[in-house]
Each structure stands twice: as structure tokens, then as C-alpha cells.
């Protein structure tokens, strides 16, 4: 059963209720990691202590967002894996006539 299996896609869409897939969350997390690197470079180049504090606040927010996305990605992957197992199990049982 491929990822393109329509039954699997429908089941995943229903289980995730319109939320992004784990892979998409990983892409978002990578984008935030790149943003974090940029913010850190800007902070390191800043000489004004008050401006550095603002960069630090932004860096902290991005790190928190990355942590949240990582947690969501783990949960979403678990849901996706569970749905895939259930759909495969159901199809196998149907093929066996059980």
C-alpha cells in the first residue's frame, strides 16, 4: 500500500483534522532553524546592548516555536503511523476474508 493509497489519504486527513502532516512540520521547523541562525548572526553583530536584548527575545521565541513544532511533529508522526497500521490491517483482513 503506497502513500498515494486513496483510503489511506482519506483516513490520514480525517485523523489529522486538517492539521499539517509530520513531514510538513519538519519543513517548518527547518525554516525556523534557518531563521534562528540569521537572528543569532544579527545578535552577534549588534553592539548596542538594548538591541542585543531584543535579538535575544526574538531568538527565545523562535526556539520555543521550534520546540513546539518538534513536539507536534512527534505526536503527528505517531498518529500517522497508527492510521497507516489500522488501514493496512483492515485491508489485509479484508483480503483474507476475515
Protein backbone atom coordinates (compact mmCIF):
# COMPACT_ATOMS: atom_id res chain seq x y z
CA UNK A 1 0.00 0.00 0.00
CA UNK A 2 1.58 3.24 -1.13
CA UNK A 3 1.31 6.67 0.45
CA UNK A 4 -0.88 7.59 -2.54
CA UNK A 5 -3.47 4.99 -1.48
CA UNK A 6 -6.75 6.96 -1.51
CA UNK A 7 -8.16 5.11 1.51
CA UNK A 8 -5.04 5.91 3.47
CA UNK A 9 -5.10 9.56 2.42
CA UNK A 10 -8.74 9.90 3.49
CA UNK A 11 -8.02 8.23 6.83
CA UNK A 12 -4.98 10.45 7.45
CA UNK A 13 -6.94 13.60 6.56
CA UNK A 14 -9.73 12.60 8.92
CA UNK A 15 -7.37 11.70 11.76
CA UNK A 16 -5.36 14.91 11.46
CA UNK A 17 -8.49 17.05 11.06
CA UNK A 18 -6.85 19.41 8.58
CA UNK A 19 -3.64 19.82 10.57
CA UNK A 20 -0.32 19.54 8.70
CA UNK A 21 1.43 16.21 8.26
CA UNK A 22 4.59 15.39 10.22
CA UNK A 23 6.75 15.96 7.14
CA UNK A 24 5.31 19.46 6.70
CA UNK A 25 6.00 20.25 10.35
CA UNK A 26 9.60 19.17 9.80
CA UNK A 27 9.91 21.58 6.88
CA UNK A 28 8.52 24.40 9.03
CA UNK A 29 10.96 23.51 11.79
CA UNK A 30 13.86 23.63 9.34
CA UNK A 31 12.74 27.07 8.17
CA UNK A 32 12.72 28.22 11.79
CA UNK A 33 16.21 26.76 12.29
CA UNK A 34 17.45 28.89 9.40
CA UNK A 35 15.70 31.92 10.87
CA UNK A 36 17.35 31.19 14.21
CA UNK A 37 20.79 31.16 12.61
CA UNK A 38 20.09 34.53 11.00
CA UNK A 39 18.89 36.02 14.27
CA UNK A 40 21.96 34.72 16.10
CA UNK A 41 24.26 36.28 13.49
CA UNK A 42 22.42 39.60 13.78
CA UNK A 43 22.62 39.45 17.57
CA UNK A 44 26.32 38.65 17.48
CA UNK A 45 26.99 41.57 15.15
CA UNK A 46 24.99 44.01 17.31
CA UNK A 47 26.97 46.32 19.55
CA UNK A 48 24.08 48.07 21.32
CA UNK A 49 23.18 46.10 24.50
CA UNK A 50 19.49 47.06 24.28
CA UNK A 51 19.28 45.93 20.68
CA UNK A 52 21.05 42.68 21.64
CA UNK A 53 18.38 42.08 24.26
CA UNK A 54 15.69 42.44 21.60
CA UNK A 55 17.52 39.93 19.40
CA UNK A 56 17.69 37.59 22.40
CA UNK A 57 13.91 37.88 22.89
CA UNK A 58 13.33 37.02 19.25
CA UNK A 59 15.77 34.11 19.47
CA UNK A 60 13.97 32.79 22.54
CA UNK A 61 10.60 32.96 20.74
CA UNK A 62 11.96 31.08 17.73
CA UNK A 63 13.48 28.39 19.96
CA UNK A 64 10.14 27.98 21.74
CA UNK A 65 8.37 27.69 18.39
CA UNK A 66 10.88 25.09 17.26
CA UNK A 67 10.30 23.07 20.43
CA UNK A 68 6.54 23.24 19.97
CA UNK A 69 6.81 22.18 16.33
CA UNK A 70 9.07 19.30 17.28
CA UNK A 71 6.56 18.07 19.86
CA UNK A 72 3.72 18.42 17.36
CA UNK A 73 5.77 16.57 14.75
CA UNK A 74 6.36 13.63 17.10
CA UNK A 75 2.67 13.41 18.01
CA UNK A 76 1.59 13.77 14.38
CA UNK A 77 4.02 11.06 13.26
CA UNK A 78 2.59 8.74 15.91
CA UNK A 79 -0.95 9.43 14.67
CA UNK A 80 0.09 8.91 11.04
CA UNK A 81 1.85 5.63 11.87
CA UNK A 82 -1.18 4.42 13.83
CA UNK A 83 -3.56 5.27 10.99
CA UNK A 84 -1.31 3.53 8.45
CA UNK A 85 -1.24 0.40 10.60
CA UNK A 86 -5.02 0.37 11.04
CA UNK A 87 -5.71 0.90 7.33
CA UNK A 88 -3.19 -1.79 6.34
CA UNK A 89 -4.56 -4.20 8.93
CA UNK A 90 -8.11 -3.59 7.75
CA UNK A 91 -7.14 -4.19 4.10
CA UNK A 92 -5.23 -7.34 4.99
CA UNK A 93 -8.15 -8.72 6.99
CA UNK A 94 -10.49 -7.92 4.10
CA UNK A 95 -8.20 -9.70 1.63
CA UNK A 96 -8.14 -12.74 3.91
CA UNK A 97 -11.93 -12.68 4.10
CA UNK A 98 -11.95 -12.09 7.84
